Amino acid sequence: MNKRLKLSLLLKDATIHKVQFDREWFFHLKDMADHLGEDLSEVEAIHLPFTIDEEVVEAKSATLEDIERGRKVL
């Protein structure tokens, strides 16, 4: 059964890297996959810079809506 995702809770979760771009929140897909325990490889994603351990890295990311849509496809 899919976990229900709530933006307010995801924004507070320190284990999930996130970045605001063009007034939308994008979530690090690997972090979200780990959080949900699901394969999110089919989620439509873009590469955005994230600061992780004081280092800037580009990583696949997606909006909450894209993640929800990708989960329904799987």
N, C-alpha and C. Protein backbone atom coordinates (compact mmCIF):
# COMPACT_ATOMS: atom_id res chain seq x y z
N MET A 1 0.84 -1.18 0.00
CA MET A 1 0.00 0.00 0.00
C MET A 1 0.89 1.25 0.00
N ASN A 2 0.56 2.21 -0.82
CA ASN A 2 1.33 3.44 -0.93
C ASN A 2 1.14 4.33 0.28
N LYS A 3 2.27 4.85 0.81
CA LYS A 3 2.20 5.86 1.86
C LYS A 3 1.61 7.13 1.28
N ARG A 4 0.78 7.79 2.02
CA ARG A 4 0.21 9.07 1.60
C ARG A 4 1.27 10.15 1.85
N LEU A 5 1.52 10.98 0.86
CA LEU A 5 2.53 12.02 0.99
C LEU A 5 1.88 13.37 1.32
N LYS A 6 2.45 14.05 2.30
CA LYS A 6 1.96 15.38 2.68
C LYS A 6 3.14 16.35 2.59
N LEU A 7 2.95 17.41 1.82
CA LEU A 7 4.00 18.38 1.58
C LEU A 7 4.54 18.94 2.89
N SER A 8 3.69 19.32 3.80
CA SER A 8 4.14 19.94 5.05
C SER A 8 5.05 19.00 5.85
N LEU A 9 4.74 17.71 5.87
CA LEU A 9 5.58 16.76 6.60
C LEU A 9 6.90 16.52 5.88
N LEU A 10 6.87 16.46 4.54
CA LEU A 10 8.09 16.25 3.78
C LEU A 10 9.04 17.43 3.93
N LEU A 11 8.50 18.65 4.01
CA LEU A 11 9.34 19.83 4.16
C LEU A 11 10.04 19.85 5.53
N LYS A 12 9.42 19.25 6.53
CA LYS A 12 10.01 19.19 7.88
C LYS A 12 10.99 18.04 8.05
N ASP A 13 10.93 17.05 7.18
CA ASP A 13 11.75 15.84 7.30
C ASP A 13 13.20 16.14 6.90
N ALA A 14 14.11 16.08 7.87
CA ALA A 14 15.52 16.41 7.62
C ALA A 14 16.24 15.31 6.83
N THR A 15 15.66 14.13 6.73
CA THR A 15 16.33 13.04 6.00
C THR A 15 16.11 13.13 4.50
N ILE A 16 15.21 14.02 4.07
CA ILE A 16 14.92 14.18 2.64
C ILE A 16 15.45 15.52 2.17
N HIS A 17 16.39 15.48 1.22
CA HIS A 17 16.91 16.72 0.66
C HIS A 17 15.87 17.31 -0.28
N LYS A 18 15.75 18.62 -0.23
CA LYS A 18 14.76 19.30 -1.06
C LYS A 18 15.30 20.66 -1.45
N VAL A 19 14.78 21.19 -2.56
CA VAL A 19 15.19 22.51 -3.02
C VAL A 19 13.99 23.18 -3.66
N GLN A 20 13.87 24.48 -3.43
CA GLN A 20 12.78 25.22 -4.06
C GLN A 20 13.32 25.86 -5.33
N PHE A 21 12.64 25.60 -6.43
CA PHE A 21 13.05 26.11 -7.73
C PHE A 21 11.80 26.59 -8.45
N ASP A 22 11.82 27.84 -8.90
CA ASP A 22 10.69 28.41 -9.63
C ASP A 22 9.39 28.28 -8.82
N ARG A 23 9.47 28.56 -7.52
CA ARG A 23 8.34 28.53 -6.57
C ARG A 23 7.74 27.15 -6.35
N GLU A 24 8.42 26.10 -6.77
CA GLU A 24 7.95 24.72 -6.51
C GLU A 24 9.02 23.98 -5.73
N TRP A 25 8.59 23.07 -4.88
CA TRP A 25 9.52 22.23 -4.13
C TRP A 25 9.84 20.98 -4.93
N PHE A 26 11.14 20.69 -5.03
CA PHE A 26 11.62 19.48 -5.69
C PHE A 26 12.33 18.63 -4.64
N PHE A 27 12.08 17.33 -4.70
CA PHE A 27 12.63 16.40 -3.71
C PHE A 27 13.63 15.47 -4.37
N HIS A 28 14.71 15.21 -3.66
CA HIS A 28 15.78 14.31 -4.11
C HIS A 28 15.15 12.91 -4.26
N LEU A 29 15.18 12.36 -5.47
CA LEU A 29 14.47 11.11 -5.72
C LEU A 29 15.01 9.92 -4.93
N LYS A 30 16.31 9.85 -4.75
CA LYS A 30 16.86 8.72 -3.97
C LYS A 30 16.37 8.79 -2.53
N ASP A 31 16.38 10.00 -1.95
CA ASP A 31 15.88 10.16 -0.58
C ASP A 31 14.41 9.75 -0.49
N MET A 32 13.62 10.15 -1.48
CA MET A 32 12.20 9.81 -1.47
C MET A 32 12.00 8.30 -1.64
N ALA A 33 12.80 7.68 -2.51
CA ALA A 33 12.69 6.23 -2.70
C ALA A 33 13.02 5.50 -1.40
N ASP A 34 14.07 5.97 -0.70
CA ASP A 34 14.42 5.37 0.59
C ASP A 34 13.32 5.59 1.62
N HIS A 35 12.76 6.78 1.66
CA HIS A 35 11.70 7.13 2.61
C HIS A 35 10.46 6.27 2.38
N LEU A 36 10.11 6.06 1.13
CA LEU A 36 8.90 5.31 0.79
C LEU A 36 9.13 3.81 0.71
N GLY A 37 10.38 3.42 0.51
CA GLY A 37 10.68 2.00 0.31
C GLY A 37 10.13 1.51 -1.03
N GLU A 38 10.18 2.39 -2.02
CA GLU A 38 9.63 2.09 -3.35
C GLU A 38 10.64 2.41 -4.43
N ASP A 39 10.47 1.79 -5.58
CA ASP A 39 11.26 2.09 -6.76
C ASP A 39 10.62 3.28 -7.47
N LEU A 40 11.34 4.38 -7.57
CA LEU A 40 10.81 5.58 -8.21
C LEU A 40 11.51 5.86 -9.54
N SER A 41 12.08 4.85 -10.14
CA SER A 41 12.85 5.03 -11.37
C SER A 41 11.99 5.48 -12.55
N GLU A 42 10.69 5.27 -12.50
CA GLU A 42 9.81 5.68 -13.59
C GLU A 42 9.24 7.09 -13.42
N VAL A 43 9.59 7.75 -12.32
CA VAL A 43 9.11 9.10 -12.06
C VAL A 43 9.83 10.07 -12.98
N GLU A 44 9.07 10.96 -13.62
CA GLU A 44 9.65 12.00 -14.47
C GLU A 44 10.45 12.95 -13.58
N ALA A 45 11.73 13.15 -13.92
CA ALA A 45 12.61 13.92 -13.05
C ALA A 45 13.48 14.89 -13.85
N ILE A 46 14.02 15.87 -13.12
CA ILE A 46 15.01 16.78 -13.68
C ILE A 46 16.22 16.77 -12.74
N HIS A 47 17.35 17.24 -13.23
CA HIS A 47 18.55 17.33 -12.40
C HIS A 47 18.65 18.75 -11.85
N LEU A 48 18.77 18.85 -10.53
CA LEU A 48 18.92 20.14 -9.85
C LEU A 48 20.07 20.04 -8.86
N PRO A 49 20.71 21.17 -8.54
CA PRO A 49 21.79 21.14 -7.54
C PRO A 49 21.24 21.06 -6.11
N PHE A 50 21.86 20.20 -5.33
CA PHE A 50 21.53 20.04 -3.91
C PHE A 50 22.81 20.22 -3.12
N THR A 51 22.71 20.83 -1.94
CA THR A 51 23.85 20.92 -1.05
C THR A 51 23.73 19.77 -0.06
N ILE A 52 24.68 18.84 -0.16
CA ILE A 52 24.69 17.66 0.70
C ILE A 52 26.05 17.60 1.37
N ASP A 53 26.06 17.61 2.68
CA ASP A 53 27.31 17.62 3.45
C ASP A 53 28.26 18.71 2.97
N GLU A 54 27.72 19.91 2.82
CA GLU A 54 28.46 21.11 2.42
C GLU A 54 29.06 21.01 1.01
N GLU A 55 28.59 20.08 0.21
CA GLU A 55 29.05 19.92 -1.16
C GLU A 55 27.85 20.02 -2.10
N VAL A 56 28.00 20.75 -3.18
CA VAL A 56 26.91 20.89 -4.14
C VAL A 56 27.01 19.76 -5.16
N VAL A 57 25.93 18.99 -5.27
CA VAL A 57 25.86 17.89 -6.23
C VAL A 57 24.57 18.00 -7.04
N GLU A 58 24.64 17.60 -8.29
CA GLU A 58 23.43 17.55 -9.11
C GLU A 58 22.79 16.18 -8.93
N ALA A 59 21.49 16.17 -8.72
CA ALA A 59 20.80 14.91 -8.49
C ALA A 59 19.41 14.94 -9.13
N LYS A 60 18.90 13.74 -9.41
CA LYS A 60 17.55 13.64 -9.95
C LYS A 60 16.56 14.07 -8.89
N SER A 61 15.63 14.91 -9.31
CA SER A 61 14.63 15.41 -8.38
C SER A 61 13.29 15.55 -9.09
N ALA A 62 12.24 15.61 -8.29
CA ALA A 62 10.89 15.71 -8.85
C ALA A 62 9.99 16.40 -7.85
N THR A 63 8.91 16.97 -8.37
CA THR A 63 7.91 17.59 -7.51
C THR A 63 7.07 16.50 -6.86
N LEU A 64 6.35 16.88 -5.85
CA LEU A 64 5.46 15.94 -5.17
C LEU A 64 4.43 15.37 -6.15
N GLU A 65 3.92 16.23 -7.02
CA GLU A 65 2.93 15.79 -8.01
C GLU A 65 3.52 14.76 -8.98
N ASP A 66 4.75 15.01 -9.43
CA ASP A 66 5.41 14.06 -10.33
C ASP A 66 5.64 12.71 -9.65
N ILE A 67 6.02 12.76 -8.38
CA ILE A 67 6.25 11.53 -7.63
C ILE A 67 4.94 10.76 -7.48
N GLU A 68 3.87 11.45 -7.11
CA GLU A 68 2.57 10.78 -6.96
C GLU A 68 2.12 10.16 -8.28
N ARG A 69 2.30 10.89 -9.37
CA ARG A 69 1.91 10.39 -10.69
C ARG A 69 2.73 9.16 -11.07
N GLY A 70 4.03 9.19 -10.80
CA GLY A 70 4.90 8.07 -11.09
C GLY A 70 4.59 6.85 -10.25
N ARG A 71 4.17 7.06 -9.03
CA ARG A 71 3.81 5.94 -8.15
C ARG A 71 2.56 5.24 -8.66
N LYS A 72 1.62 5.97 -9.23
CA LYS A 72 0.38 5.37 -9.73
C LYS A 72 0.65 4.53 -10.98
N VAL A 73 1.67 4.94 -11.78
CA VAL A 73 2.02 4.20 -12.97
C VAL A 73 2.60 2.85 -12.61
N LEU A 74 3.41 2.82 -11.55
CA LEU A 74 4.04 1.58 -11.13
C LEU A 74 2.99 0.65 -10.60
